[in-house]
Amino acid sequence: MEEVEHPIVKIDPKGDVILELTSPQGKSRLLVSLKVLSLVSSVFDTMFNSLSKEILHNQPARRVFILLLPEDGAEALTTLYGVLHYRPDEFDEDIHPDCLVNVAMVADKFDCVAAIMLPSKI
């Protein structure tokens, strides 16, 4: 069975990182901001700092790079990155409770729970 390639969801239209996610429907790609994710997540900050050095050294002309995140749910990550980038239009208002649990788990995994605490209270 062939996987369906979905278009890039531009969570940050001026983003510099494409996150490639795997879901049962195929691969999803999200264009996000390295700076935003680095500010809200020590995990992403560490990951991007090491990747940036390698990419800048090996491919100085490339402006957008792809990071594979195959282990995490596409719906939860899309919701999380929509919140972190202040893009509520990127997720459904009627979020299923299972998705919220997954968002919380992914936020914990990437150490960005504090960044979503205020939006979750509003």
PDB file of N, CA and C in Angstrom:
ATOM      1  N   MET A   1       0.837  -1.188   0.000  1.00  0.00           N
ATOM      2  CA  MET A   1       0.000   0.000   0.000  1.00  0.00           C
ATOM      3  C   MET A   1       0.876   1.244   0.000  1.00  0.00           C
ATOM      4  N   GLU A   2       0.580   2.162  -0.883  1.00  0.00           N
ATOM      5  CA  GLU A   2       1.378   3.369  -1.038  1.00  0.00           C
ATOM      6  C   GLU A   2       0.910   4.454  -0.072  1.00  0.00           C
ATOM      7  N   GLU A   3       1.867   5.139   0.561  1.00  0.00           N
ATOM      8  CA  GLU A   3       1.520   6.213   1.487  1.00  0.00           C
ATOM      9  C   GLU A   3       1.123   7.467   0.722  1.00  0.00           C
ATOM     10  N   VAL A   4       0.167   8.193   1.274  1.00  0.00           N
ATOM     11  CA  VAL A   4      -0.283   9.431   0.666  1.00  0.00           C
ATOM     12  C   VAL A   4       0.558  10.575   1.220  1.00  0.00           C
ATOM     13  N   GLU A   5       1.104  11.384   0.343  1.00  0.00           N
ATOM     14  CA  GLU A   5       1.866  12.560   0.761  1.00  0.00           C
ATOM     15  C   GLU A   5       0.910  13.752   0.849  1.00  0.00           C
ATOM     16  N   HIS A   6       0.801  14.325   2.002  1.00  0.00           N
ATOM     17  CA  HIS A   6      -0.060  15.482   2.194  1.00  0.00           C
ATOM     18  C   HIS A   6       0.747  16.755   1.969  1.00  0.00           C
ATOM     19  N   PRO A   7       0.067  17.832   1.575  1.00  0.00           N
ATOM     20  CA  PRO A   7       0.792  19.090   1.406  1.00  0.00           C
ATOM     21  C   PRO A   7       1.323  19.603   2.739  1.00  0.00           C
ATOM     22  N   ILE A   8       2.232  20.538   2.660  1.00  0.00           N
ATOM     23  CA  ILE A   8       2.812  21.129   3.870  1.00  0.00           C
ATOM     24  C   ILE A   8       1.793  22.057   4.524  1.00  0.00           C
ATOM     25  N   VAL A   9       1.540  21.839   5.795  1.00  0.00           N
ATOM     26  CA  VAL A   9       0.686  22.730   6.583  1.00  0.00           C
ATOM     27  C   VAL A   9       1.588  23.847   7.090  1.00  0.00           C
ATOM     28  N   LYS A  10       1.297  25.058   6.715  1.00  0.00           N
ATOM     29  CA  LYS A  10       2.148  26.196   7.060  1.00  0.00           C
ATOM     30  C   LYS A  10       1.688  26.812   8.378  1.00  0.00           C
ATOM     31  N   ILE A  11       2.108  26.212   9.470  1.00  0.00           N
ATOM     32  CA  ILE A  11       1.791  26.764  10.785  1.00  0.00           C
ATOM     33  C   ILE A  11       2.502  28.103  10.938  1.00  0.00           C
ATOM     34  N   ASP A  12       3.713  28.194  10.429  1.00  0.00           N
ATOM     35  CA  ASP A  12       4.416  29.472  10.315  1.00  0.00           C
ATOM     36  C   ASP A  12       4.816  29.622   8.848  1.00  0.00           C
ATOM     37  N   PRO A  13       4.089  30.463   8.094  1.00  0.00           N
ATOM     38  CA  PRO A  13       4.381  30.620   6.663  1.00  0.00           C
ATOM     39  C   PRO A  13       5.825  31.039   6.372  1.00  0.00           C
ATOM     40  N   LYS A  14       6.479  31.644   7.335  1.00  0.00           N
ATOM     41  CA  LYS A  14       7.880  32.044   7.165  1.00  0.00           C
ATOM     42  C   LYS A  14       8.808  31.098   7.933  1.00  0.00           C
ATOM     43  N   GLY A  15       8.321  29.911   8.249  1.00  0.00           N
ATOM     44  CA  GLY A  15       9.075  28.952   9.034  1.00  0.00           C
ATOM     45  C   GLY A  15      10.346  28.488   8.345  1.00  0.00           C
ATOM     46  N   ASP A  16      11.190  27.834   9.129  1.00  0.00           N
ATOM     47  CA  ASP A  16      12.471  27.378   8.597  1.00  0.00           C
ATOM     48  C   ASP A  16      12.736  25.904   8.883  1.00  0.00           C
ATOM     49  N   VAL A  17      11.731  25.199   9.421  1.00  0.00           N
ATOM     50  CA  VAL A  17      11.858  23.774   9.700  1.00  0.00           C
ATOM     51  C   VAL A  17      10.571  23.085   9.240  1.00  0.00           C
ATOM     52  N   ILE A  18      10.725  21.997   8.513  1.00  0.00           N
ATOM     53  CA  ILE A  18       9.579  21.163   8.164  1.00  0.00           C
ATOM     54  C   ILE A  18       9.657  19.924   9.047  1.00  0.00           C
ATOM     55  N   LEU A  19       8.618  19.735   9.852  1.00  0.00           N
ATOM     56  CA  LEU A  19       8.528  18.545  10.686  1.00  0.00           C
ATOM     57  C   LEU A  19       7.709  17.520   9.923  1.00  0.00           C
ATOM     58  N   GLU A  20       8.282  16.365   9.697  1.00  0.00           N
ATOM     59  CA  GLU A  20       7.581  15.301   8.984  1.00  0.00           C
ATOM     60  C   GLU A  20       7.060  14.297   9.996  1.00  0.00           C
ATOM     61  N   LEU A  21       5.741  14.136  10.002  1.00  0.00           N
ATOM     62  CA  LEU A  21       5.061  13.288  10.973  1.00  0.00           C
ATOM     63  C   LEU A  21       4.418  12.113  10.258  1.00  0.00           C
ATOM     64  N   THR A  22       4.302  11.007  10.951  1.00  0.00           N
ATOM     65  CA  THR A  22       3.675   9.827  10.378  1.00  0.00           C
ATOM     66  C   THR A  22       2.334   9.600  11.059  1.00  0.00           C
ATOM     67  N   SER A  23       1.323   9.318  10.242  1.00  0.00           N
ATOM     68  CA  SER A  23       0.007   8.991  10.781  1.00  0.00           C
ATOM     69  C   SER A  23      -0.549   7.825   9.969  1.00  0.00           C
ATOM     70  N   PRO A  24      -1.639   7.228  10.431  1.00  0.00           N
ATOM     71  CA  PRO A  24      -2.226   6.129   9.650  1.00  0.00           C
ATOM     72  C   PRO A  24      -2.641   6.567   8.237  1.00  0.00           C
ATOM     73  N   GLN A  25      -2.906   7.859   8.053  1.00  0.00           N
ATOM     74  CA  GLN A  25      -3.317   8.364   6.750  1.00  0.00           C
ATOM     75  C   GLN A  25      -2.128   8.674   5.838  1.00  0.00           C
ATOM     76  N   GLY A  26      -0.935   8.585   6.341  1.00  0.00           N
ATOM     77  CA  GLY A  26       0.253   8.893   5.542  1.00  0.00           C
ATOM     78  C   GLY A  26       1.154   9.849   6.293  1.00  0.00           C
ATOM     79  N   LYS A  27       1.955  10.563   5.551  1.00  0.00           N
ATOM     80  CA  LYS A  27       2.874  11.519   6.165  1.00  0.00           C
ATOM     81  C   LYS A  27       2.272  12.913   6.142  1.00  0.00           C
ATOM     82  N   SER A  28       2.462  13.613   7.235  1.00  0.00           N
ATOM     83  CA  SER A  28       2.060  15.015   7.330  1.00  0.00           C
ATOM     84  C   SER A  28       3.329  15.834   7.451  1.00  0.00           C
ATOM     85  N   ARG A  29       3.287  17.019   6.907  1.00  0.00           N
ATOM     86  CA  ARG A  29       4.439  17.914   7.031  1.00  0.00           C
ATOM     87  C   ARG A  29       3.962  19.263   7.542  1.00  0.00           C
ATOM     88  N   LEU A  30       4.669  19.756   8.563  1.00  0.00           N
ATOM     89  CA  LEU A  30       4.326  21.039   9.165  1.00  0.00           C
ATOM     90  C   LEU A  30       5.506  21.990   9.023  1.00  0.00           C
ATOM     91  N   LEU A  31       5.258  23.167   8.494  1.00  0.00           N
ATOM     92  CA  LEU A  31       6.283  24.200   8.428  1.00  0.00           C
ATOM     93  C   LEU A  31       6.169  25.037   9.695  1.00  0.00           C
ATOM     94  N   VAL A  32       7.230  25.018  10.484  1.00  0.00           N
ATOM     95  CA  VAL A  32       7.220  25.687  11.780  1.00  0.00           C
ATOM     96  C   VAL A  32       8.468  26.557  11.931  1.00  0.00           C
ATOM     97  N   SER A  33       8.485  27.320  12.996  1.00  0.00           N
ATOM     98  CA  SER A  33       9.608  28.214  13.283  1.00  0.00           C
ATOM     99  C   SER A  33      10.577  27.570  14.265  1.00  0.00           C
ATOM    100  N   LEU A  34      11.805  27.454  13.848  1.00  0.00           N
ATOM    101  CA  LEU A  34      12.872  26.959  14.712  1.00  0.00           C
ATOM    102  C   LEU A  34      12.969  27.836  15.959  1.00  0.00           C
ATOM    103  N   LYS A  35      12.862  29.141  15.784  1.00  0.00           N
ATOM    104  CA  LYS A  35      13.001  30.074  16.907  1.00  0.00           C
ATOM    105  C   LYS A  35      11.895  29.878  17.942  1.00  0.00           C
ATOM    106  N   VAL A  36      10.651  29.755  17.478  1.00  0.00           N
ATOM    107  CA  VAL A  36       9.532  29.562  18.407  1.00  0.00           C
ATOM    108  C   VAL A  36       9.720  28.285  19.209  1.00  0.00           C
ATOM    109  N   LEU A  37      10.007  27.183  18.508  1.00  0.00           N
ATOM    110  CA  LEU A  37      10.145  25.910  19.209  1.00  0.00           C
ATOM    111  C   LEU A  37      11.357  25.909  20.132  1.00  0.00           C
ATOM    112  N   SER A  38      12.421  26.588  19.744  1.00  0.00           N
ATOM    113  CA  SER A  38      13.610  26.670  20.605  1.00  0.00           C
ATOM    114  C   SER A  38      13.331  27.474  21.870  1.00  0.00           C
ATOM    115  N   LEU A  39      12.499  28.501  21.758  1.00  0.00           N
ATOM    116  CA  LEU A  39      12.169  29.327  22.922  1.00  0.00           C
ATOM    117  C   LEU A  39      11.307  28.592  23.938  1.00  0.00           C
ATOM    118  N   VAL A  40      10.401  27.741  23.468  1.00  0.00           N
ATOM    119  CA  VAL A  40       9.442  27.105  24.377  1.00  0.00           C
ATOM    120  C   VAL A  40       9.846  25.708  24.833  1.00  0.00           C
ATOM    121  N   SER A  41      10.891  25.136  24.217  1.00  0.00           N
ATOM    122  CA  SER A  41      11.240  23.755  24.515  1.00  0.00           C
ATOM    123  C   SER A  41      12.749  23.575  24.600  1.00  0.00           C
ATOM    124  N   SER A  42      13.208  23.158  25.772  1.00  0.00           N
ATOM    125  CA  SER A  42      14.644  22.888  25.914  1.00  0.00           C
ATOM    126  C   SER A  42      15.064  21.704  25.046  1.00  0.00           C
ATOM    127  N   VAL A  43      14.155  20.771  24.821  1.00  0.00           N
ATOM    128  CA  VAL A  43      14.452  19.620  23.965  1.00  0.00           C
ATOM    129  C   VAL A  43      14.690  20.082  22.538  1.00  0.00           C
ATOM    130  N   PHE A  44      13.776  20.901  22.011  1.00  0.00           N
ATOM    131  CA  PHE A  44      13.961  21.418  20.652  1.00  0.00           C
ATOM    132  C   PHE A  44      15.169  22.340  20.572  1.00  0.00           C
ATOM    133  N   ASP A  45      15.399  23.125  21.604  1.00  0.00           N
ATOM    134  CA  ASP A  45      16.555  24.020  21.599  1.00  0.00           C
ATOM    135  C   ASP A  45      17.846  23.222  21.443  1.00  0.00           C
ATOM    136  N   THR A  46      17.986  22.174  22.229  1.00  0.00           N
ATOM    137  CA  THR A  46      19.176  21.318  22.135  1.00  0.00           C
ATOM    138  C   THR A  46      19.252  20.645  20.769  1.00  0.00           C
ATOM    139  N   MET A  47      18.134  20.101  20.319  1.00  0.00           N
ATOM    140  CA  MET A  47      18.090  19.416  19.031  1.00  0.00           C
ATOM    141  C   MET A  47      18.443  20.366  17.889  1.00  0.00           C
ATOM    142  N   PHE A  48      17.842  21.548  17.885  1.00  0.00           N
ATOM    143  CA  PHE A  48      18.072  22.494  16.799  1.00  0.00           C
ATOM    144  C   PHE A  48      19.472  23.088  16.834  1.00  0.00           C
ATOM    145  N   ASN A  49      20.005  23.304  18.030  1.00  0.00           N
ATOM    146  CA  ASN A  49      21.373  23.832  18.102  1.00  0.00           C
ATOM    147  C   ASN A  49      22.366  22.866  17.477  1.00  0.00           C
ATOM    148  N   SER A  50      22.228  21.584  17.758  1.00  0.00           N
ATOM    149  CA  SER A  50      23.153  20.615  17.164  1.00  0.00           C
ATOM    150  C   SER A  50      22.891  20.455  15.674  1.00  0.00           C
ATOM    151  N   LEU A  51      21.612  20.457  15.273  1.00  0.00           N
ATOM    152  CA  LEU A  51      21.290  20.351  13.851  1.00  0.00           C
ATOM    153  C   LEU A  51      21.737  21.585  13.079  1.00  0.00           C
ATOM    154  N   SER A  52      21.530  22.756  13.653  1.00  0.00           N
ATOM    155  CA  SER A  52      21.891  23.999  12.965  1.00  0.00           C
ATOM    156  C   SER A  52      23.377  24.046  12.675  1.00  0.00           C
ATOM    157  N   LYS A  53      24.184  23.657  13.642  1.00  0.00           N
ATOM    158  CA  LYS A  53      25.636  23.666  13.432  1.00  0.00           C
ATOM    159  C   LYS A  53      26.022  22.725  12.300  1.00  0.00           C
ATOM    160  N   GLU A  54      25.415  21.531  12.296  1.00  0.00           N
ATOM    161  CA  GLU A  54      25.723  20.552  11.259  1.00  0.00           C
ATOM    162  C   GLU A  54      25.244  21.038   9.890  1.00  0.00           C
ATOM    163  N   ILE A  55      24.030  21.559   9.832  1.00  0.00           N
ATOM    164  CA  ILE A  55      23.470  22.004   8.559  1.00  0.00           C
ATOM    165  C   ILE A  55      24.213  23.227   8.037  1.00  0.00           C
ATOM    166  N   LEU A  56      24.496  24.186   8.911  1.00  0.00           N
ATOM    167  CA  LEU A  56      25.218  25.376   8.466  1.00  0.00           C
ATOM    168  C   LEU A  56      26.611  25.021   7.982  1.00  0.00           C
ATOM    169  N   HIS A  57      27.215  24.014   8.588  1.00  0.00           N
ATOM    170  CA  HIS A  57      28.545  23.597   8.169  1.00  0.00           C
ATOM    171  C   HIS A  57      28.500  22.851   6.839  1.00  0.00           C
ATOM    172  N   ASN A  58      27.511  21.969   6.667  1.00  0.00           N
ATOM    173  CA  ASN A  58      27.458  21.124   5.481  1.00  0.00           C
ATOM    174  C   ASN A  58      26.654  21.698   4.317  1.00  0.00           C
ATOM    175  N   GLN A  59      25.634  22.496   4.589  1.00  0.00           N
ATOM    176  CA  GLN A  59      24.757  23.010   3.542  1.00  0.00           C
ATOM    177  C   GLN A  59      24.424  24.472   3.819  1.00  0.00           C
ATOM    178  N   PRO A  60      25.366  25.375   3.637  1.00  0.00           N
ATOM    179  CA  PRO A  60      25.124  26.764   4.013  1.00  0.00           C
ATOM    180  C   PRO A  60      24.020  27.461   3.219  1.00  0.00           C
ATOM    181  N   ALA A  61      23.708  26.989   2.031  1.00  0.00           N
ATOM    182  CA  ALA A  61      22.705  27.671   1.214  1.00  0.00           C
ATOM    183  C   ALA A  61      21.276  27.233   1.537  1.00  0.00           C
ATOM    184  N   ARG A  62      21.123  26.150   2.237  1.00  0.00           N
ATOM    185  CA  ARG A  62      19.788  25.628   2.516  1.00  0.00           C
ATOM    186  C   ARG A  62      19.148  26.395   3.663  1.00  0.00           C
ATOM    187  N   ARG A  63      17.929  26.864   3.438  1.00  0.00           N
ATOM    188  CA  ARG A  63      17.258  27.670   4.451  1.00  0.00           C
ATOM    189  C   ARG A  63      16.237  26.884   5.264  1.00  0.00           C
ATOM    190  N   VAL A  64      15.628  25.871   4.676  1.00  0.00           N
ATOM    191  CA  VAL A  64      14.623  25.076   5.375  1.00  0.00           C
ATOM    192  C   VAL A  64      15.128  23.643   5.453  1.00  0.00           C
ATOM    193  N   PHE A  65      15.070  23.061   6.640  1.00  0.00           N
ATOM    194  CA  PHE A  65      15.469  21.667   6.728  1.00  0.00           C
ATOM    195  C   PHE A  65      14.329  20.835   7.291  1.00  0.00           C
ATOM    196  N   ILE A  66      14.412  19.531   7.060  1.00  0.00           N
ATOM    197  CA  ILE A  66      13.360  18.599   7.441  1.00  0.00           C
ATOM    198  C   ILE A  66      13.807  17.801   8.656  1.00  0.00           C
ATOM    199  N   LEU A  67      12.917  17.703   9.617  1.00  0.00           N
ATOM    200  CA  LEU A  67      13.162  16.915  10.820  1.00  0.00           C
ATOM    201  C   LEU A  67      12.070  15.858  10.904  1.00  0.00           C
ATOM    202  N   LEU A  68      12.456  14.597  10.974  1.00  0.00           N
ATOM    203  CA  LEU A  68      11.498  13.502  11.047  1.00  0.00           C
ATOM    204  C   LEU A  68      11.095  13.242  12.493  1.00  0.00           C
ATOM    205  N   LEU A  69       9.779  13.209  12.726  1.00  0.00           N
ATOM    206  CA  LEU A  69       9.235  12.875  14.049  1.00  0.00           C
ATOM    207  C   LEU A  69       8.200  11.764  13.863  1.00  0.00           C
ATOM    208  N   PRO A  70       8.646  10.552  13.534  1.00  0.00           N
ATOM    209  CA  PRO A  70       7.704   9.489  13.183  1.00  0.00           C
ATOM    210  C   PRO A  70       6.977   8.847  14.363  1.00  0.00           C
ATOM    211  N   GLU A  71       7.433   9.075  15.577  1.00  0.00           N
ATOM    212  CA  GLU A  71       6.879   8.353  16.721  1.00  0.00           C
ATOM    213  C   GLU A  71       5.689   9.034  17.379  1.00  0.00           C
ATOM    214  N   ASP A  72       5.452  10.283  17.070  1.00  0.00           N
ATOM    215  CA  ASP A  72       4.414  11.041  17.765  1.00  0.00           C
ATOM    216  C   ASP A  72       3.215  11.260  16.853  1.00  0.00           C
ATOM    217  N   GLY A  73       2.038  11.330  17.449  1.00  0.00           N
ATOM    218  CA  GLY A  73       0.808  11.481  16.689  1.00  0.00           C
ATOM    219  C   GLY A  73       0.724  12.797  15.948  1.00  0.00           C
ATOM    220  N   ALA A  74       0.370  12.724  14.671  1.00  0.00           N
ATOM    221  CA  ALA A  74       0.293  13.919  13.835  1.00  0.00           C
ATOM    222  C   ALA A  74      -0.760  14.905  14.347  1.00  0.00           C
ATOM    223  N   GLU A  75      -1.918  14.392  14.772  1.00  0.00           N
ATOM    224  CA  GLU A  75      -2.980  15.283  15.240  1.00  0.00           C
ATOM    225  C   GLU A  75      -2.545  16.026  16.507  1.00  0.00           C
ATOM    226  N   ALA A  76      -1.936  15.320  17.439  1.00  0.00           N
ATOM    227  CA  ALA A  76      -1.488  15.949  18.682  1.00  0.00           C
ATOM    228  C   ALA A  76      -0.393  16.972  18.414  1.00  0.00           C
ATOM    229  N   LEU A  77       0.557  16.630  17.550  1.00  0.00           N
ATOM    230  CA  LEU A  77       1.641  17.568  17.252  1.00  0.00           C
ATOM    231  C   LEU A  77       1.142  18.788  16.489  1.00  0.00           C
ATOM    232  N   THR A  78       0.232  18.594  15.558  1.00  0.00           N
ATOM    233  CA  THR A  78      -0.328  19.734  14.823  1.00  0.00           C
ATOM    234  C   THR A  78      -1.045  20.672  15.785  1.00  0.00           C
ATOM    235  N   THR A  79      -1.800  20.104  16.710  1.00  0.00           N
ATOM    236  CA  THR A  79      -2.492  20.916  17.716  1.00  0.00           C
ATOM    237  C   THR A  79      -1.491  21.648  18.595  1.00  0.00           C
ATOM    238  N   LEU A  80      -0.492  20.928  19.084  1.00  0.00           N
ATOM    239  CA  LEU A  80       0.518  21.540  19.942  1.00  0.00           C
ATOM    240  C   LEU A  80       1.237  22.679  19.236  1.00  0.00           C
ATOM    241  N   TYR A  81       1.698  22.451  18.014  1.00  0.00           N
ATOM    242  CA  TYR A  81       2.434  23.495  17.304  1.00  0.00           C
ATOM    243  C   TYR A  81       1.529  24.664  16.931  1.00  0.00           C
ATOM    244  N   GLY A  82       0.252  24.393  16.694  1.00  0.00           N
ATOM    245  CA  GLY A  82      -0.699  25.479  16.467  1.00  0.00           C
ATOM    246  C   GLY A  82      -0.810  26.382  17.688  1.00  0.00           C
ATOM    247  N   VAL A  83      -0.855  25.770  18.868  1.00  0.00           N
ATOM    248  CA  VAL A  83      -0.912  26.539  20.120  1.00  0.00           C
ATOM    249  C   VAL A  83       0.385  27.310  20.328  1.00  0.00           C
ATOM    250  N   LEU A  84       1.519  26.639  20.153  1.00  0.00           N
ATOM    251  CA  LEU A  84       2.817  27.284  20.398  1.00  0.00           C
ATOM    252  C   LEU A  84       3.094  28.434  19.443  1.00  0.00           C
ATOM    253  N   HIS A  85       2.541  28.365  18.233  1.00  0.00           N
ATOM    254  CA  HIS A  85       2.741  29.422  17.237  1.00  0.00           C
ATOM    255  C   HIS A  85       1.561  30.406  17.228  1.00  0.00           C
ATOM    256  N   TYR A  86       0.662  30.297  18.208  1.00  0.00           N
ATOM    257  CA  TYR A  86      -0.510  31.181  18.298  1.00  0.00           C
ATOM    258  C   TYR A  86      -1.336  31.122  17.023  1.00  0.00           C
ATOM    259  N   ARG A  87      -1.610  29.910  16.559  1.00  0.00           N
ATOM    260  CA  ARG A  87      -2.381  29.684  15.339  1.00  0.00           C
ATOM    261  C   ARG A  87      -3.575  28.785  15.647  1.00  0.00           C
ATOM    262  N   PRO A  88      -4.582  29.302  16.338  1.00  0.00           N
ATOM    263  CA  PRO A  88      -5.729  28.462  16.685  1.00  0.00           C
ATOM    264  C   PRO A  88      -6.491  27.946  15.467  1.00  0.00           C
ATOM    265  N   ASP A  89      -6.279  28.567  14.312  1.00  0.00           N
ATOM    266  CA  ASP A  89      -6.941  28.102  13.095  1.00  0.00           C
ATOM    267  C   ASP A  89      -6.373  26.768  12.600  1.00  0.00           C
ATOM    268  N   GLU A  90      -5.280  26.324  13.183  1.00  0.00           N
ATOM    269  CA  GLU A  90      -4.642  25.076  12.752  1.00  0.00           C
ATOM    270  C   GLU A  90      -5.160  23.843  13.485  1.00  0.00           C
ATOM    271  N   PHE A  91      -6.114  24.016  14.395  1.00  0.00           N
ATOM    272  CA  PHE A  91      -6.663  22.848  15.073  1.00  0.00           C
ATOM    273  C   PHE A  91      -8.156  23.018  15.269  1.00  0.00           C
ATOM    274  N   ASP A  92      -8.818  21.913  15.405  1.00  0.00           N
ATOM    275  CA  ASP A  92     -10.262  21.856  15.543  1.00  0.00           C
ATOM    276  C   ASP A  92     -10.680  22.356  16.920  1.00  0.00           C
ATOM    277  N   GLU A  93     -11.735  23.169  16.972  1.00  0.00           N
ATOM    278  CA  GLU A  93     -12.226  23.675  18.258  1.00  0.00           C
ATOM    279  C   GLU A  93     -12.798  22.545  19.121  1.00  0.00           C
ATOM    280  N   ASP A  94     -13.329  21.516  18.495  1.00  0.00           N
ATOM    281  CA  ASP A  94     -13.900  20.382  19.212  1.00  0.00           C
ATOM    282  C   ASP A  94     -12.876  19.256  19.280  1.00  0.00           C
ATOM    283  N   ILE A  95     -11.843  19.490  20.042  1.00  0.00           N
ATOM    284  CA  ILE A  95     -10.766  18.512  20.146  1.00  0.00           C
ATOM    285  C   ILE A  95     -11.230  17.339  21.002  1.00  0.00           C
ATOM    286  N   HIS A  96     -11.019  16.166  20.490  1.00  0.00           N
ATOM    287  CA  HIS A  96     -11.400  14.947  21.212  1.00  0.00           C
ATOM    288  C   HIS A  96     -10.521  14.816  22.464  1.00  0.00           C
ATOM    289  N   PRO A  97     -11.089  14.366  23.570  1.00  0.00           N
ATOM    290  CA  PRO A  97     -10.294  14.213  24.806  1.00  0.00           C
ATOM    291  C   PRO A  97      -9.037  13.353  24.627  1.00  0.00           C
ATOM    292  N   ASP A  98      -9.111  12.328  23.793  1.00  0.00           N
ATOM    293  CA  ASP A  98      -7.922  11.495  23.542  1.00  0.00           C
ATOM    294  C   ASP A  98      -6.800  12.324  22.924  1.00  0.00           C
ATOM    295  N   CYS A  99      -7.173  13.249  22.034  1.00  0.00           N
ATOM    296  CA  CYS A  99      -6.168  14.119  21.420  1.00  0.00           C
ATOM    297  C   CYS A  99      -5.554  15.038  22.467  1.00  0.00           C
ATOM    298  N   LEU A 100      -6.368  15.552  23.379  1.00  0.00           N
ATOM    299  CA  LEU A 100      -5.838  16.414  24.433  1.00  0.00           C
ATOM    300  C   LEU A 100      -4.846  15.674  25.323  1.00  0.00           C
ATOM    301  N   VAL A 101      -5.154  14.425  25.608  1.00  0.00           N
ATOM    302  CA  VAL A 101      -4.223  13.604  26.391  1.00  0.00           C
ATOM    303  C   VAL A 101      -2.918  13.451  25.622  1.00  0.00           C
ATOM    304  N   ASN A 102      -3.019  13.183  24.324  1.00  0.00           N
ATOM    305  CA  ASN A 102      -1.817  13.043  23.489  1.00  0.00           C
ATOM    306  C   ASN A 102      -1.032  14.347  23.394  1.00  0.00           C
ATOM    307  N   VAL A 103      -1.738  15.476  23.314  1.00  0.00           N
ATOM    308  CA  VAL A 103      -1.063  16.787  23.298  1.00  0.00           C
ATOM    309  C   VAL A 103      -0.280  16.971  24.593  1.00  0.00           C
ATOM    310  N   ALA A 104      -0.905  16.645  25.715  1.00  0.00           N
ATOM    311  CA  ALA A 104      -0.223  16.778  27.013  1.00  0.00           C
ATOM    312  C   ALA A 104       1.014  15.885  27.084  1.00  0.00           C
ATOM    313  N   MET A 105       0.900  14.664  26.571  1.00  0.00           N
ATOM    314  CA  MET A 105       2.040  13.739  26.603  1.00  0.00           C
ATOM    315  C   MET A 105       3.177  14.233  25.707  1.00  0.00           C
ATOM    316  N   VAL A 106       2.831  14.734  24.531  1.00  0.00           N
ATOM    317  CA  VAL A 106       3.859  15.247  23.609  1.00  0.00           C
ATOM    318  C   VAL A 106       4.485  16.519  24.172  1.00  0.00           C
ATOM    319  N   ALA A 107       3.661  17.385  24.786  1.00  0.00           N
ATOM    320  CA  ALA A 107       4.197  18.604  25.394  1.00  0.00           C
ATOM    321  C   ALA A 107       5.175  18.251  26.512  1.00  0.00           C
ATOM    322  N   ASP A 108       4.851  17.226  27.276  1.00  0.00           N
ATOM    323  CA  ASP A 108       5.762  16.769  28.323  1.00  0.00           C
ATOM    324  C   ASP A 108       7.041  16.197  27.712  1.00  0.00           C
ATOM    325  N   LYS A 109       6.901  15.392  26.684  1.00  0.00           N
ATOM    326  CA  LYS A 109       8.062  14.784  26.028  1.00  0.00           C
ATOM    327  C   LYS A 109       9.035  15.846  25.516  1.00  0.00           C
ATOM    328  N   PHE A 110       8.490  16.917  24.925  1.00  0.00           N
ATOM    329  CA  PHE A 110       9.332  17.968  24.351  1.00  0.00           C
ATOM    330  C   PHE A 110       9.574  19.124  25.322  1.00  0.00           C
ATOM    331  N   ASP A 111       9.202  18.938  26.586  1.00  0.00           N
ATOM    332  CA  ASP A 111       9.459  19.911  27.647  1.00  0.00           C
ATOM    333  C   ASP A 111       8.919  21.302  27.306  1.00  0.00           C
ATOM    334  N   CYS A 112       7.638  21.340  26.903  1.00  0.00           N
ATOM    335  CA  CYS A 112       7.034  22.650  26.621  1.00  0.00           C
ATOM    336  C   CYS A 112       5.658  22.776  27.276  1.00  0.00           C
ATOM    337  N   VAL A 113       5.468  22.087  28.389  1.00  0.00           N
ATOM    338  CA  VAL A 113       4.202  22.159  29.119  1.00  0.00           C
ATOM    339  C   VAL A 113       3.931  23.582  29.598  1.00  0.00           C
ATOM    340  N   ALA A 114       4.951  24.252  30.106  1.00  0.00           N
ATOM    341  CA  ALA A 114       4.767  25.618  30.617  1.00  0.00           C
ATOM    342  C   ALA A 114       4.239  26.551  29.524  1.00  0.00           C
ATOM    343  N   ALA A 115       4.644  26.333  28.289  1.00  0.00           N
ATOM    344  CA  ALA A 115       4.232  27.205  27.186  1.00  0.00           C
ATOM    345  C   ALA A 115       2.764  27.034  26.822  1.00  0.00           C
ATOM    346  N   ILE A 116       2.167  25.892  27.177  1.00  0.00           N
ATOM    347  CA  ILE A 116       0.756  25.697  26.846  1.00  0.00           C
ATOM    348  C   ILE A 116      -0.149  25.820  28.056  1.00  0.00           C
ATOM    349  N   MET A 117       0.410  26.074  29.208  1.00  0.00           N
ATOM    350  CA  MET A 117      -0.411  26.172  30.414  1.00  0.00           C
ATOM    351  C   MET A 117      -1.376  27.351  30.357  1.00  0.00           C
ATOM    352  N   LEU A 118      -0.907  28.534  29.995  1.00  0.00           N
ATOM    353  CA  LEU A 118      -1.800  29.697  29.937  1.00  0.00           C
ATOM    354  C   LEU A 118      -2.872  29.532  28.872  1.00  0.00           C
ATOM    355  N   PRO A 119      -2.525  29.159  27.621  1.00  0.00           N
ATOM    356  CA  PRO A 119      -3.603  28.972  26.638  1.00  0.00           C
ATOM    357  C   PRO A 119      -4.614  27.927  27.039  1.00  0.00           C
ATOM    358  N   SER A 120      -4.205  26.918  27.802  1.00  0.00           N
ATOM    359  CA  SER A 120      -5.154  25.877  28.198  1.00  0.00           C
ATOM    360  C   SER A 120      -6.103  26.375  29.295  1.00  0.00           C
ATOM    361  N   LYS A 121      -5.735  27.437  30.006  1.00  0.00           N
ATOM    362  CA  LYS A 121      -6.577  27.977  31.070  1.00  0.00           C
ATOM    363  C   LYS A 121      -7.594  28.979  30.536  1.00  0.00           C
ATOM    364  N   ILE A 122      -7.314  29.515  29.369  1.00  0.00           N
ATOM    365  CA  ILE A 122      -8.206  30.562  28.818  1.00  0.00           C
ATOM    366  C   ILE A 122      -9.440  29.958  28.206  1.00  0.00           C
TER     367      ILE A 122
END
